[in-house]
Amino acid sequence: MRIHYASNSVPCHKLRIEDGLFIATRQAKPEHLLKKPLAWSYNVEIIEALKEADVDIMEVVYEDKVFSCPLSRFLQYARKMNRGYGEQLYLCLYLWDTKRFNELPKGGGKKQLVQPSLFS
């Protein structure tokens, strides 16, 4: 069993443990969605923080949907780009799992919130 310490923080993400998986979730606005190709992108520094924190699943909450992807899949298929906002990695939407909020299980799965350290 892996132990996730409070110092494992990822900027702009909420961290939680659910069903034994360490999940990092971020909220996205319309301007965060790449249009060509349709994809979610992350700064390389954020991906490094996700790896260092030993995150299992990445989630992006956008409108009424939750896009989720194992970090291992993201690392395997992501492509590099730089469109003036620094080095980023992106993964096309068709490689993400998608659920609407009303499809999420109610009360299913054990959730444990992880509080990031103030000094990390």
PDB file of N, CA and C in Angstrom:
ATOM      1  N   MET A   1       0.842  -1.186   0.000  1.00  0.00           N
ATOM      2  CA  MET A   1       0.000   0.000   0.000  1.00  0.00           C
ATOM      3  C   MET A   1       0.883   1.243   0.000  1.00  0.00           C
ATOM      4  N   ARG A   2       0.582   2.156  -0.896  1.00  0.00           N
ATOM      5  CA  ARG A   2       1.329   3.410  -0.950  1.00  0.00           C
ATOM      6  C   ARG A   2       0.794   4.363   0.096  1.00  0.00           C
ATOM      7  N   ILE A   3       1.670   5.174   0.633  1.00  0.00           N
ATOM      8  CA  ILE A   3       1.273   6.198   1.586  1.00  0.00           C
ATOM      9  C   ILE A   3       1.454   7.544   0.912  1.00  0.00           C
ATOM     10  N   HIS A   4       0.423   8.353   0.923  1.00  0.00           N
ATOM     11  CA  HIS A   4       0.478   9.684   0.329  1.00  0.00           C
ATOM     12  C   HIS A   4       0.609  10.694   1.455  1.00  0.00           C
ATOM     13  N   TYR A   5       1.689  11.420   1.467  1.00  0.00           N
ATOM     14  CA  TYR A   5       1.953  12.391   2.523  1.00  0.00           C
ATOM     15  C   TYR A   5       1.320  13.729   2.187  1.00  0.00           C
ATOM     16  N   ALA A   6       1.035  14.506   3.204  1.00  0.00           N
ATOM     17  CA  ALA A   6       0.404  15.811   3.011  1.00  0.00           C
ATOM     18  C   ALA A   6       1.272  16.745   2.175  1.00  0.00           C
ATOM     19  N   SER A   7       2.582  16.510   2.145  1.00  0.00           N
ATOM     20  CA  SER A   7       3.468  17.371   1.364  1.00  0.00           C
ATOM     21  C   SER A   7       3.320  17.140  -0.137  1.00  0.00           C
ATOM     22  N   ASN A   8       2.623  16.064  -0.518  1.00  0.00           N
ATOM     23  CA  ASN A   8       2.375  15.799  -1.933  1.00  0.00           C
ATOM     24  C   ASN A   8       1.274  16.725  -2.420  1.00  0.00           C
ATOM     25  N   SER A   9       1.643  17.909  -2.866  1.00  0.00           N
ATOM     26  CA  SER A   9       0.635  18.828  -3.367  1.00  0.00           C
ATOM     27  C   SER A   9       0.879  19.083  -4.843  1.00  0.00           C
ATOM     28  N   VAL A  10      -0.188  19.383  -5.531  1.00  0.00           N
ATOM     29  CA  VAL A  10      -0.126  19.679  -6.949  1.00  0.00           C
ATOM     30  C   VAL A  10      -0.851  21.003  -7.148  1.00  0.00           C
ATOM     31  N   PRO A  11      -0.155  22.026  -7.666  1.00  0.00           N
ATOM     32  CA  PRO A  11      -0.802  23.333  -7.844  1.00  0.00           C
ATOM     33  C   PRO A  11      -2.093  23.226  -8.655  1.00  0.00           C
ATOM     34  N   CYS A  12      -3.112  23.990  -8.247  1.00  0.00           N
ATOM     35  CA  CYS A  12      -4.405  24.101  -8.953  1.00  0.00           C
ATOM     36  C   CYS A  12      -5.211  22.815  -8.964  1.00  0.00           C
ATOM     37  N   HIS A  13      -4.901  21.855  -8.120  1.00  0.00           N
ATOM     38  CA  HIS A  13      -5.613  20.584  -8.072  1.00  0.00           C
ATOM     39  C   HIS A  13      -6.077  20.279  -6.656  1.00  0.00           C
ATOM     40  N   LYS A  14      -7.237  19.623  -6.560  1.00  0.00           N
ATOM     41  CA  LYS A  14      -7.696  19.057  -5.298  1.00  0.00           C
ATOM     42  C   LYS A  14      -7.300  17.589  -5.321  1.00  0.00           C
ATOM     43  N   LEU A  15      -6.769  17.121  -4.213  1.00  0.00           N
ATOM     44  CA  LEU A  15      -6.305  15.741  -4.129  1.00  0.00           C
ATOM     45  C   LEU A  15      -7.210  14.942  -3.203  1.00  0.00           C
ATOM     46  N   ARG A  16      -7.469  13.691  -3.591  1.00  0.00           N
ATOM     47  CA  ARG A  16      -8.275  12.812  -2.750  1.00  0.00           C
ATOM     48  C   ARG A  16      -7.907  11.360  -3.030  1.00  0.00           C
ATOM     49  N   ILE A  17      -8.253  10.518  -2.095  1.00  0.00           N
ATOM     50  CA  ILE A  17      -8.111   9.073  -2.278  1.00  0.00           C
ATOM     51  C   ILE A  17      -9.510   8.504  -2.367  1.00  0.00           C
ATOM     52  N   GLU A  18      -9.764   7.736  -3.424  1.00  0.00           N
ATOM     53  CA  GLU A  18     -11.075   7.129  -3.638  1.00  0.00           C
ATOM     54  C   GLU A  18     -10.862   5.718  -4.156  1.00  0.00           C
ATOM     55  N   ASP A  19     -11.452   4.748  -3.468  1.00  0.00           N
ATOM     56  CA  ASP A  19     -11.316   3.341  -3.843  1.00  0.00           C
ATOM     57  C   ASP A  19      -9.848   2.945  -4.008  1.00  0.00           C
ATOM     58  N   GLY A  20      -8.995   3.482  -3.145  1.00  0.00           N
ATOM     59  CA  GLY A  20      -7.579   3.131  -3.168  1.00  0.00           C
ATOM     60  C   GLY A  20      -6.758   3.833  -4.228  1.00  0.00           C
ATOM     61  N   LEU A  21      -7.366   4.735  -4.985  1.00  0.00           N
ATOM     62  CA  LEU A  21      -6.648   5.466  -6.039  1.00  0.00           C
ATOM     63  C   LEU A  21      -6.438   6.912  -5.605  1.00  0.00           C
ATOM     64  N   PHE A  22      -5.271   7.449  -5.903  1.00  0.00           N
ATOM     65  CA  PHE A  22      -4.944   8.837  -5.589  1.00  0.00           C
ATOM     66  C   PHE A  22      -5.324   9.675  -6.804  1.00  0.00           C
ATOM     67  N   ILE A  23      -6.276  10.608  -6.624  1.00  0.00           N
ATOM     68  CA  ILE A  23      -6.882  11.353  -7.728  1.00  0.00           C
ATOM     69  C   ILE A  23      -6.605  12.843  -7.564  1.00  0.00           C
ATOM     70  N   ALA A  24      -6.185  13.479  -8.656  1.00  0.00           N
ATOM     71  CA  ALA A  24      -5.961  14.930  -8.693  1.00  0.00           C
ATOM     72  C   ALA A  24      -6.985  15.539  -9.639  1.00  0.00           C
ATOM     73  N   THR A  25      -7.775  16.492  -9.144  1.00  0.00           N
ATOM     74  CA  THR A  25      -8.867  17.086  -9.910  1.00  0.00           C
ATOM     75  C   THR A  25      -8.642  18.584 -10.070  1.00  0.00           C
ATOM     76  N   ARG A  26      -8.881  19.066 -11.300  1.00  0.00           N
ATOM     77  CA  ARG A  26      -8.821  20.506 -11.550  1.00  0.00           C
ATOM     78  C   ARG A  26     -10.116  20.945 -12.231  1.00  0.00           C
ATOM     79  N   GLN A  27     -10.498  22.191 -12.003  1.00  0.00           N
ATOM     80  CA  GLN A  27     -11.640  22.808 -12.670  1.00  0.00           C
ATOM     81  C   GLN A  27     -11.129  23.477 -13.943  1.00  0.00           C
ATOM     82  N   ALA A  28     -11.875  23.396 -15.027  1.00  0.00           N
ATOM     83  CA  ALA A  28     -11.460  24.014 -16.289  1.00  0.00           C
ATOM     84  C   ALA A  28     -12.533  24.979 -16.779  1.00  0.00           C
ATOM     85  N   LYS A  29     -12.077  26.026 -17.433  1.00  0.00           N
ATOM     86  CA  LYS A  29     -12.955  27.002 -18.074  1.00  0.00           C
ATOM     87  C   LYS A  29     -12.898  26.774 -19.580  1.00  0.00           C
ATOM     88  N   PRO A  30     -13.837  27.328 -20.342  1.00  0.00           N
ATOM     89  CA  PRO A  30     -13.838  27.116 -21.793  1.00  0.00           C
ATOM     90  C   PRO A  30     -12.504  27.460 -22.464  1.00  0.00           C
ATOM     91  N   GLU A  31     -11.821  28.490 -21.979  1.00  0.00           N
ATOM     92  CA  GLU A  31     -10.553  28.874 -22.600  1.00  0.00           C
ATOM     93  C   GLU A  31      -9.418  27.878 -22.318  1.00  0.00           C
ATOM     94  N   HIS A  32      -9.637  26.941 -21.403  1.00  0.00           N
ATOM     95  CA  HIS A  32      -8.617  25.933 -21.113  1.00  0.00           C
ATOM     96  C   HIS A  32      -8.651  24.752 -22.082  1.00  0.00           C
ATOM     97  N   LEU A  33      -9.742  24.603 -22.813  1.00  0.00           N
ATOM     98  CA  LEU A  33      -9.887  23.486 -23.749  1.00  0.00           C
ATOM     99  C   LEU A  33      -9.194  23.827 -25.066  1.00  0.00           C
ATOM    100  N   LEU A  34      -8.229  23.017 -25.466  1.00  0.00           N
ATOM    101  CA  LEU A  34      -7.595  23.223 -26.769  1.00  0.00           C
ATOM    102  C   LEU A  34      -8.619  22.920 -27.852  1.00  0.00           C
ATOM    103  N   LYS A  35      -8.618  23.721 -28.897  1.00  0.00           N
ATOM    104  CA  LYS A  35      -9.565  23.536 -29.998  1.00  0.00           C
ATOM    105  C   LYS A  35      -8.984  22.702 -31.132  1.00  0.00           C
ATOM    106  N   LYS A  36      -7.691  22.856 -31.402  1.00  0.00           N
ATOM    107  CA  LYS A  36      -7.026  22.105 -32.475  1.00  0.00           C
ATOM    108  C   LYS A  36      -5.698  21.595 -31.969  1.00  0.00           C
ATOM    109  N   PRO A  37      -5.613  20.341 -31.642  1.00  0.00           N
ATOM    110  CA  PRO A  37      -6.691  19.338 -31.584  1.00  0.00           C
ATOM    111  C   PRO A  37      -7.511  19.524 -30.305  1.00  0.00           C
ATOM    112  N   LEU A  38      -8.706  18.931 -30.274  1.00  0.00           N
ATOM    113  CA  LEU A  38      -9.516  18.959 -29.059  1.00  0.00           C
ATOM    114  C   LEU A  38      -8.785  18.159 -27.992  1.00  0.00           C
ATOM    115  N   ALA A  39      -8.321  18.856 -26.952  1.00  0.00           N
ATOM    116  CA  ALA A  39      -7.473  18.200 -25.965  1.00  0.00           C
ATOM    117  C   ALA A  39      -7.420  19.009 -24.681  1.00  0.00           C
ATOM    118  N   TRP A  40      -6.990  18.339 -23.600  1.00  0.00           N
ATOM    119  CA  TRP A  40      -6.630  19.002 -22.353  1.00  0.00           C
ATOM    120  C   TRP A  40      -5.126  19.056 -22.294  1.00  0.00           C
ATOM    121  N   SER A  41      -4.595  20.211 -21.891  1.00  0.00           N
ATOM    122  CA  SER A  41      -3.148  20.342 -21.795  1.00  0.00           C
ATOM    123  C   SER A  41      -2.741  20.716 -20.375  1.00  0.00           C
ATOM    124  N   TYR A  42      -1.514  20.388 -20.057  1.00  0.00           N
ATOM    125  CA  TYR A  42      -0.933  20.657 -18.742  1.00  0.00           C
ATOM    126  C   TYR A  42       0.464  21.195 -18.927  1.00  0.00           C
ATOM    127  N   ASN A  43       0.838  22.170 -18.098  1.00  0.00           N
ATOM    128  CA  ASN A  43       2.228  22.604 -18.077  1.00  0.00           C
ATOM    129  C   ASN A  43       3.094  21.433 -17.627  1.00  0.00           C
ATOM    130  N   VAL A  44       4.292  21.359 -18.169  1.00  0.00           N
ATOM    131  CA  VAL A  44       5.209  20.265 -17.834  1.00  0.00           C
ATOM    132  C   VAL A  44       5.458  20.227 -16.323  1.00  0.00           C
ATOM    133  N   GLU A  45       5.534  21.389 -15.682  1.00  0.00           N
ATOM    134  CA  GLU A  45       5.778  21.441 -14.242  1.00  0.00           C
ATOM    135  C   GLU A  45       4.651  20.765 -13.459  1.00  0.00           C
ATOM    136  N   ILE A  46       3.419  20.928 -13.924  1.00  0.00           N
ATOM    137  CA  ILE A  46       2.283  20.285 -13.250  1.00  0.00           C
ATOM    138  C   ILE A  46       2.369  18.775 -13.411  1.00  0.00           C
ATOM    139  N   ILE A  47       2.722  18.311 -14.606  1.00  0.00           N
ATOM    140  CA  ILE A  47       2.862  16.866 -14.825  1.00  0.00           C
ATOM    141  C   ILE A  47       3.952  16.299 -13.925  1.00  0.00           C
ATOM    142  N   GLU A  48       5.052  17.019 -13.784  1.00  0.00           N
ATOM    143  CA  GLU A  48       6.122  16.567 -12.895  1.00  0.00           C
ATOM    144  C   GLU A  48       5.618  16.490 -11.451  1.00  0.00           C
ATOM    145  N   ALA A  49       4.805  17.468 -11.023  1.00  0.00           N
ATOM    146  CA  ALA A  49       4.246  17.448  -9.675  1.00  0.00           C
ATOM    147  C   ALA A  49       3.287  16.274  -9.496  1.00  0.00           C
ATOM    148  N   LEU A  50       2.490  15.958 -10.523  1.00  0.00           N
ATOM    149  CA  LEU A  50       1.587  14.808 -10.468  1.00  0.00           C
ATOM    150  C   LEU A  50       2.381  13.510 -10.323  1.00  0.00           C
ATOM    151  N   LYS A  51       3.467  13.399 -11.076  1.00  0.00           N
ATOM    152  CA  LYS A  51       4.311  12.205 -10.988  1.00  0.00           C
ATOM    153  C   LYS A  51       4.959  12.098  -9.612  1.00  0.00           C
ATOM    154  N   GLU A  52       5.482  13.221  -9.117  1.00  0.00           N
ATOM    155  CA  GLU A  52       6.151  13.231  -7.817  1.00  0.00           C
ATOM    156  C   GLU A  52       5.186  12.882  -6.687  1.00  0.00           C
ATOM    157  N   ALA A  53       3.939  13.336  -6.813  1.00  0.00           N
ATOM    158  CA  ALA A  53       2.921  13.047  -5.801  1.00  0.00           C
ATOM    159  C   ALA A  53       2.392  11.618  -5.908  1.00  0.00           C
ATOM    160  N   ASP A  54       2.786  10.900  -6.963  1.00  0.00           N
ATOM    161  CA  ASP A  54       2.357   9.518  -7.179  1.00  0.00           C
ATOM    162  C   ASP A  54       0.851   9.426  -7.427  1.00  0.00           C
ATOM    163  N   VAL A  55       0.330  10.386  -8.229  1.00  0.00           N
ATOM    164  CA  VAL A  55      -1.091  10.423  -8.569  1.00  0.00           C
ATOM    165  C   VAL A  55      -1.418   9.278  -9.528  1.00  0.00           C
ATOM    166  N   ASP A  56      -2.555   8.640  -9.315  1.00  0.00           N
ATOM    167  CA  ASP A  56      -3.018   7.558 -10.193  1.00  0.00           C
ATOM    168  C   ASP A  56      -3.891   8.090 -11.328  1.00  0.00           C
ATOM    169  N   ILE A  57      -4.833   8.965 -10.982  1.00  0.00           N
ATOM    170  CA  ILE A  57      -5.845   9.424 -11.938  1.00  0.00           C
ATOM    171  C   ILE A  57      -5.859  10.952 -11.976  1.00  0.00           C
ATOM    172  N   MET A  58      -5.916  11.488 -13.192  1.00  0.00           N
ATOM    173  CA  MET A  58      -6.088  12.926 -13.416  1.00  0.00           C
ATOM    174  C   MET A  58      -7.548  13.148 -13.781  1.00  0.00           C
ATOM    175  N   GLU A  59      -8.144  14.204 -13.244  1.00  0.00           N
ATOM    176  CA  GLU A  59      -9.517  14.554 -13.602  1.00  0.00           C
ATOM    177  C   GLU A  59      -9.581  16.022 -13.986  1.00  0.00           C
ATOM    178  N   VAL A  60     -10.417  16.300 -14.982  1.00  0.00           N
ATOM    179  CA  VAL A  60     -10.718  17.674 -15.379  1.00  0.00           C
ATOM    180  C   VAL A  60     -12.227  17.828 -15.317  1.00  0.00           C
ATOM    181  N   VAL A  61     -12.697  18.752 -14.489  1.00  0.00           N
ATOM    182  CA  VAL A  61     -14.125  19.039 -14.379  1.00  0.00           C
ATOM    183  C   VAL A  61     -14.406  20.222 -15.293  1.00  0.00           C
ATOM    184  N   TYR A  62     -15.310  19.999 -16.252  1.00  0.00           N
ATOM    185  CA  TYR A  62     -15.620  21.017 -17.260  1.00  0.00           C
ATOM    186  C   TYR A  62     -17.110  20.973 -17.566  1.00  0.00           C
ATOM    187  N   GLU A  63     -17.760  22.104 -17.334  1.00  0.00           N
ATOM    188  CA  GLU A  63     -19.208  22.206 -17.512  1.00  0.00           C
ATOM    189  C   GLU A  63     -19.889  21.103 -16.704  1.00  0.00           C
ATOM    190  N   ASP A  64     -20.653  20.205 -17.339  1.00  0.00           N
ATOM    191  CA  ASP A  64     -21.338  19.145 -16.598  1.00  0.00           C
ATOM    192  C   ASP A  64     -20.654  17.799 -16.747  1.00  0.00           C
ATOM    193  N   LYS A  65     -19.362  17.803 -17.104  1.00  0.00           N
ATOM    194  CA  LYS A  65     -18.636  16.555 -17.343  1.00  0.00           C
ATOM    195  C   LYS A  65     -17.386  16.459 -16.474  1.00  0.00           C
ATOM    196  N   VAL A  66     -17.002  15.212 -16.227  1.00  0.00           N
ATOM    197  CA  VAL A  66     -15.735  14.925 -15.577  1.00  0.00           C
ATOM    198  C   VAL A  66     -14.930  14.068 -16.552  1.00  0.00           C
ATOM    199  N   PHE A  67     -13.786  14.589 -16.975  1.00  0.00           N
ATOM    200  CA  PHE A  67     -12.871  13.857 -17.840  1.00  0.00           C
ATOM    201  C   PHE A  67     -11.822  13.229 -16.921  1.00  0.00           C
ATOM    202  N   SER A  68     -11.586  11.927 -17.071  1.00  0.00           N
ATOM    203  CA  SER A  68     -10.587  11.277 -16.231  1.00  0.00           C
ATOM    204  C   SER A  68      -9.655  10.438 -17.087  1.00  0.00           C
ATOM    205  N   CYS A  69      -8.426  10.312 -16.588  1.00  0.00           N
ATOM    206  CA  CYS A  69      -7.401   9.591 -17.326  1.00  0.00           C
ATOM    207  C   CYS A  69      -6.333   9.113 -16.344  1.00  0.00           C
ATOM    208  N   PRO A  70      -5.945   7.851 -16.419  1.00  0.00           N
ATOM    209  CA  PRO A  70      -4.807   7.422 -15.604  1.00  0.00           C
ATOM    210  C   PRO A  70      -3.568   8.225 -16.013  1.00  0.00           C
ATOM    211  N   LEU A  71      -2.780   8.622 -15.038  1.00  0.00           N
ATOM    212  CA  LEU A  71      -1.560   9.363 -15.344  1.00  0.00           C
ATOM    213  C   LEU A  71      -0.666   8.554 -16.273  1.00  0.00           C
ATOM    214  N   SER A  72      -0.635   7.250 -16.112  1.00  0.00           N
ATOM    215  CA  SER A  72       0.203   6.405 -16.979  1.00  0.00           C
ATOM    216  C   SER A  72      -0.232   6.508 -18.443  1.00  0.00           C
ATOM    217  N   ARG A  73      -1.545   6.564 -18.708  1.00  0.00           N
ATOM    218  CA  ARG A  73      -2.037   6.723 -20.082  1.00  0.00           C
ATOM    219  C   ARG A  73      -1.651   8.096 -20.635  1.00  0.00           C
ATOM    220  N   PHE A  74      -1.817   9.126 -19.793  1.00  0.00           N
ATOM    221  CA  PHE A  74      -1.443  10.468 -20.229  1.00  0.00           C
ATOM    222  C   PHE A  74       0.028  10.497 -20.634  1.00  0.00           C
ATOM    223  N   LEU A  75       0.883   9.953 -19.799  1.00  0.00           N
ATOM    224  CA  LEU A  75       2.328   9.966 -20.085  1.00  0.00           C
ATOM    225  C   LEU A  75       2.661   9.163 -21.341  1.00  0.00           C
ATOM    226  N   GLN A  76       1.935   8.102 -21.588  1.00  0.00           N
ATOM    227  CA  GLN A  76       2.196   7.254 -22.752  1.00  0.00           C
ATOM    228  C   GLN A  76       1.810   7.939 -24.060  1.00  0.00           C
ATOM    229  N   TYR A  77       0.686   8.666 -24.088  1.00  0.00           N
ATOM    230  CA  TYR A  77       0.153   9.182 -25.351  1.00  0.00           C
ATOM    231  C   TYR A  77       0.229  10.706 -25.514  1.00  0.00           C
ATOM    232  N   ALA A  78       0.614  11.426 -24.481  1.00  0.00           N
ATOM    233  CA  ALA A  78       0.637  12.891 -24.559  1.00  0.00           C
ATOM    234  C   ALA A  78       1.682  13.368 -25.561  1.00  0.00           C
ATOM    235  N   ARG A  79       1.410  14.524 -26.154  1.00  0.00           N
ATOM    236  CA  ARG A  79       2.310  15.172 -27.112  1.00  0.00           C
ATOM    237  C   ARG A  79       2.743  16.516 -26.554  1.00  0.00           C
ATOM    238  N   LYS A  80       3.928  16.962 -26.950  1.00  0.00           N
ATOM    239  CA  LYS A  80       4.462  18.249 -26.490  1.00  0.00           C
ATOM    240  C   LYS A  80       4.014  19.374 -27.405  1.00  0.00           C
ATOM    241  N   MET A  81       3.903  20.560 -26.787  1.00  0.00           N
ATOM    242  CA  MET A  81       3.605  21.761 -27.563  1.00  0.00           C
ATOM    243  C   MET A  81       4.037  22.977 -26.748  1.00  0.00           C
ATOM    244  N   ASN A  82       4.173  24.085 -27.455  1.00  0.00           N
ATOM    245  CA  ASN A  82       4.413  25.377 -26.807  1.00  0.00           C
ATOM    246  C   ASN A  82       3.756  26.437 -27.685  1.00  0.00           C
ATOM    247  N   ARG A  83       2.662  26.981 -27.196  1.00  0.00           N
ATOM    248  CA  ARG A  83       1.928  28.007 -27.937  1.00  0.00           C
ATOM    249  C   ARG A  83       2.029  29.355 -27.226  1.00  0.00           C
ATOM    250  N   GLY A  84       3.179  29.583 -26.612  1.00  0.00           N
ATOM    251  CA  GLY A  84       3.416  30.857 -25.949  1.00  0.00           C
ATOM    252  C   GLY A  84       3.141  30.863 -24.461  1.00  0.00           C
ATOM    253  N   TYR A  85       2.746  29.728 -23.898  1.00  0.00           N
ATOM    254  CA  TYR A  85       2.470  29.640 -22.463  1.00  0.00           C
ATOM    255  C   TYR A  85       3.433  28.686 -21.774  1.00  0.00           C
ATOM    256  N   GLY A  86       4.587  28.443 -22.382  1.00  0.00           N
ATOM    257  CA  GLY A  86       5.555  27.514 -21.823  1.00  0.00           C
ATOM    258  C   GLY A  86       5.349  26.110 -22.373  1.00  0.00           C
ATOM    259  N   GLU A  87       6.275  25.239 -22.045  1.00  0.00           N
ATOM    260  CA  GLU A  87       6.221  23.842 -22.506  1.00  0.00           C
ATOM    261  C   GLU A  87       5.029  23.139 -21.866  1.00  0.00           C
ATOM    262  N   GLN A  88       4.203  22.516 -22.714  1.00  0.00           N
ATOM    263  CA  GLN A  88       3.021  21.806 -22.240  1.00  0.00           C
ATOM    264  C   GLN A  88       2.946  20.427 -22.875  1.00  0.00           C
ATOM    265  N   LEU A  89       2.189  19.555 -22.208  1.00  0.00           N
ATOM    266  CA  LEU A  89       1.835  18.254 -22.751  1.00  0.00           C
ATOM    267  C   LEU A  89       0.321  18.238 -22.902  1.00  0.00           C
ATOM    268  N   TYR A  90      -0.170  17.681 -24.013  1.00  0.00           N
ATOM    269  CA  TYR A  90      -1.617  17.615 -24.208  1.00  0.00           C
ATOM    270  C   TYR A  90      -2.021  16.201 -24.585  1.00  0.00           C
ATOM    271  N   LEU A  91      -3.265  15.873 -24.270  1.00  0.00           N
ATOM    272  CA  LEU A  91      -3.835  14.573 -24.604  1.00  0.00           C
ATOM    273  C   LEU A  91      -5.213  14.810 -25.200  1.00  0.00           C
ATOM    274  N   CYS A  92      -5.431  14.296 -26.408  1.00  0.00           N
ATOM    275  CA  CYS A  92      -6.705  14.481 -27.119  1.00  0.00           C
ATOM    276  C   CYS A  92      -7.872  13.915 -26.306  1.00  0.00           C
ATOM    277  N   LEU A  93      -9.023  14.553 -26.447  1.00  0.00           N
ATOM    278  CA  LEU A  93     -10.196  14.190 -25.652  1.00  0.00           C
ATOM    279  C   LEU A  93     -10.636  12.745 -25.830  1.00  0.00           C
ATOM    280  N   TYR A  94     -10.427  12.181 -27.016  1.00  0.00           N
ATOM    281  CA  TYR A  94     -10.906  10.811 -27.225  1.00  0.00           C
ATOM    282  C   TYR A  94     -10.142   9.798 -26.369  1.00  0.00           C
ATOM    283  N   LEU A  95      -9.031  10.204 -25.769  1.00  0.00           N
ATOM    284  CA  LEU A  95      -8.271   9.307 -24.900  1.00  0.00           C
ATOM    285  C   LEU A  95      -8.629   9.476 -23.415  1.00  0.00           C
ATOM    286  N   TRP A  96      -9.570  10.357 -23.125  1.00  0.00           N
ATOM    287  CA  TRP A  96     -10.040  10.557 -21.759  1.00  0.00           C
ATOM    288  C   TRP A  96     -11.350   9.802 -21.556  1.00  0.00           C
ATOM    289  N   ASP A  97     -11.587   9.297 -20.365  1.00  0.00           N
ATOM    290  CA  ASP A  97     -12.879   8.722 -19.991  1.00  0.00           C
ATOM    291  C   ASP A  97     -13.767   9.894 -19.570  1.00  0.00           C
ATOM    292  N   THR A  98     -15.047   9.856 -19.934  1.00  0.00           N
ATOM    293  CA  THR A  98     -15.935  10.976 -19.665  1.00  0.00           C
ATOM    294  C   THR A  98     -17.216  10.497 -19.006  1.00  0.00           C
ATOM    295  N   LYS A  99     -17.637  11.244 -17.980  1.00  0.00           N
ATOM    296  CA  LYS A  99     -18.920  10.989 -17.328  1.00  0.00           C
ATOM    297  C   LYS A  99     -19.593  12.329 -17.072  1.00  0.00           C
ATOM    298  N   ARG A 100     -20.902  12.309 -17.114  1.00  0.00           N
ATOM    299  CA  ARG A 100     -21.665  13.488 -16.708  1.00  0.00           C
ATOM    300  C   ARG A 100     -21.861  13.409 -15.201  1.00  0.00           C
ATOM    301  N   PHE A 101     -22.074  14.560 -14.566  1.00  0.00           N
ATOM    302  CA  PHE A 101     -22.253  14.577 -13.122  1.00  0.00           C
ATOM    303  C   PHE A 101     -23.374  13.654 -12.672  1.00  0.00           C
ATOM    304  N   ASN A 102     -24.475  13.602 -13.421  1.00  0.00           N
ATOM    305  CA  ASN A 102     -25.594  12.763 -12.997  1.00  0.00           C
ATOM    306  C   ASN A 102     -25.308  11.276 -13.157  1.00  0.00           C
ATOM    307  N   GLU A 103     -24.201  10.899 -13.790  1.00  0.00           N
ATOM    308  CA  GLU A 103     -23.817   9.494 -13.918  1.00  0.00           C
ATOM    309  C   GLU A 103     -22.874   9.051 -12.807  1.00  0.00           C
ATOM    310  N   LEU A 104     -22.403  10.002 -12.002  1.00  0.00           N
ATOM    311  CA  LEU A 104     -21.479   9.668 -10.936  1.00  0.00           C
ATOM    312  C   LEU A 104     -22.220   8.932  -9.829  1.00  0.00           C
ATOM    313  N   PRO A 105     -21.593   7.901  -9.233  1.00  0.00           N
ATOM    314  CA  PRO A 105     -22.260   7.151  -8.165  1.00  0.00           C
ATOM    315  C   PRO A 105     -22.503   8.028  -6.943  1.00  0.00           C
ATOM    316  N   LYS A 106     -23.681   7.904  -6.380  1.00  0.00           N
ATOM    317  CA  LYS A 106     -24.029   8.652  -5.168  1.00  0.00           C
ATOM    318  C   LYS A 106     -23.620   7.821  -3.953  1.00  0.00           C
ATOM    319  N   GLY A 107     -22.683   8.352  -3.189  1.00  0.00           N
ATOM    320  CA  GLY A 107     -22.271   7.667  -1.971  1.00  0.00           C
ATOM    321  C   GLY A 107     -21.443   6.426  -2.225  1.00  0.00           C
ATOM    322  N   GLY A 108     -21.164   6.104  -3.466  1.00  0.00           N
ATOM    323  CA  GLY A 108     -20.354   4.934  -3.769  1.00  0.00           C
ATOM    324  C   GLY A 108     -18.884   5.244  -3.626  1.00  0.00           C
ATOM    325  N   GLY A 109     -18.135   4.303  -3.158  1.00  0.00           N
ATOM    326  CA  GLY A 109     -16.698   4.499  -3.008  1.00  0.00           C
ATOM    327  C   GLY A 109     -16.371   5.289  -1.757  1.00  0.00           C
ATOM    328  N   LYS A 110     -15.271   4.944  -1.165  1.00  0.00           N
ATOM    329  CA  LYS A 110     -14.829   5.651   0.031  1.00  0.00           C
ATOM    330  C   LYS A 110     -13.954   6.812  -0.397  1.00  0.00           C
ATOM    331  N   LYS A 111     -14.254   7.989   0.122  1.00  0.00           N
ATOM    332  CA  LYS A 111     -13.490   9.175  -0.229  1.00  0.00           C
ATOM    333  C   LYS A 111     -12.705   9.637   0.989  1.00  0.00           C
ATOM    334  N   GLN A 112     -11.473  10.018   0.748  1.00  0.00           N
ATOM    335  CA  GLN A 112     -10.639  10.575   1.795  1.00  0.00           C
ATOM    336  C   GLN A 112      -9.926  11.778   1.215  1.00  0.00           C
ATOM    337  N   LEU A 113     -10.177  12.938   1.793  1.00  0.00           N
ATOM    338  CA  LEU A 113      -9.526  14.148   1.304  1.00  0.00           C
ATOM    339  C   LEU A 113      -8.108  14.209   1.838  1.00  0.00           C
ATOM    340  N   VAL A 114      -7.213  14.766   1.026  1.00  0.00           N
ATOM    341  CA  VAL A 114      -5.824  14.934   1.417  1.00  0.00           C
ATOM    342  C   VAL A 114      -5.548  16.412   1.476  1.00  0.00           C
ATOM    343  N   GLN A 115      -5.107  16.900   2.618  1.00  0.00           N
ATOM    344  CA  GLN A 115      -4.816  18.322   2.791  1.00  0.00           C
ATOM    345  C   GLN A 115      -3.361  18.590   2.423  1.00  0.00           C
ATOM    346  N   PRO A 116      -3.102  19.411   1.386  1.00  0.00           N
ATOM    347  CA  PRO A 116      -1.727  19.743   1.054  1.00  0.00           C
ATOM    348  C   PRO A 116      -1.103  20.600   2.152  1.00  0.00           C
ATOM    349  N   SER A 117       0.197  20.516   2.273  1.00  0.00           N
ATOM    350  CA  SER A 117       0.926  21.290   3.254  1.00  0.00           C
ATOM    351  C   SER A 117       0.978  22.757   2.841  1.00  0.00           C
ATOM    352  N   LEU A 118       0.934  23.655   3.812  1.00  0.00           N
ATOM    353  CA  LEU A 118       1.057  25.073   3.525  1.00  0.00           C
ATOM    354  C   LEU A 118       2.477  25.454   3.138  1.00  0.00           C
ATOM    355  N   PHE A 119       3.453  24.601   3.453  1.00  0.00           N
ATOM    356  CA  PHE A 119       4.857  24.942   3.265  1.00  0.00           C
ATOM    357  C   PHE A 119       5.526  24.135   2.169  1.00  0.00           C
ATOM    358  N   SER A 120       4.767  23.529   1.273  1.00  0.00           N
ATOM    359  CA  SER A 120       5.377  22.739   0.199  1.00  0.00           C
ATOM    360  C   SER A 120       5.649  23.573  -1.018  1.00  0.00           C
TER     361      SER A 120
END
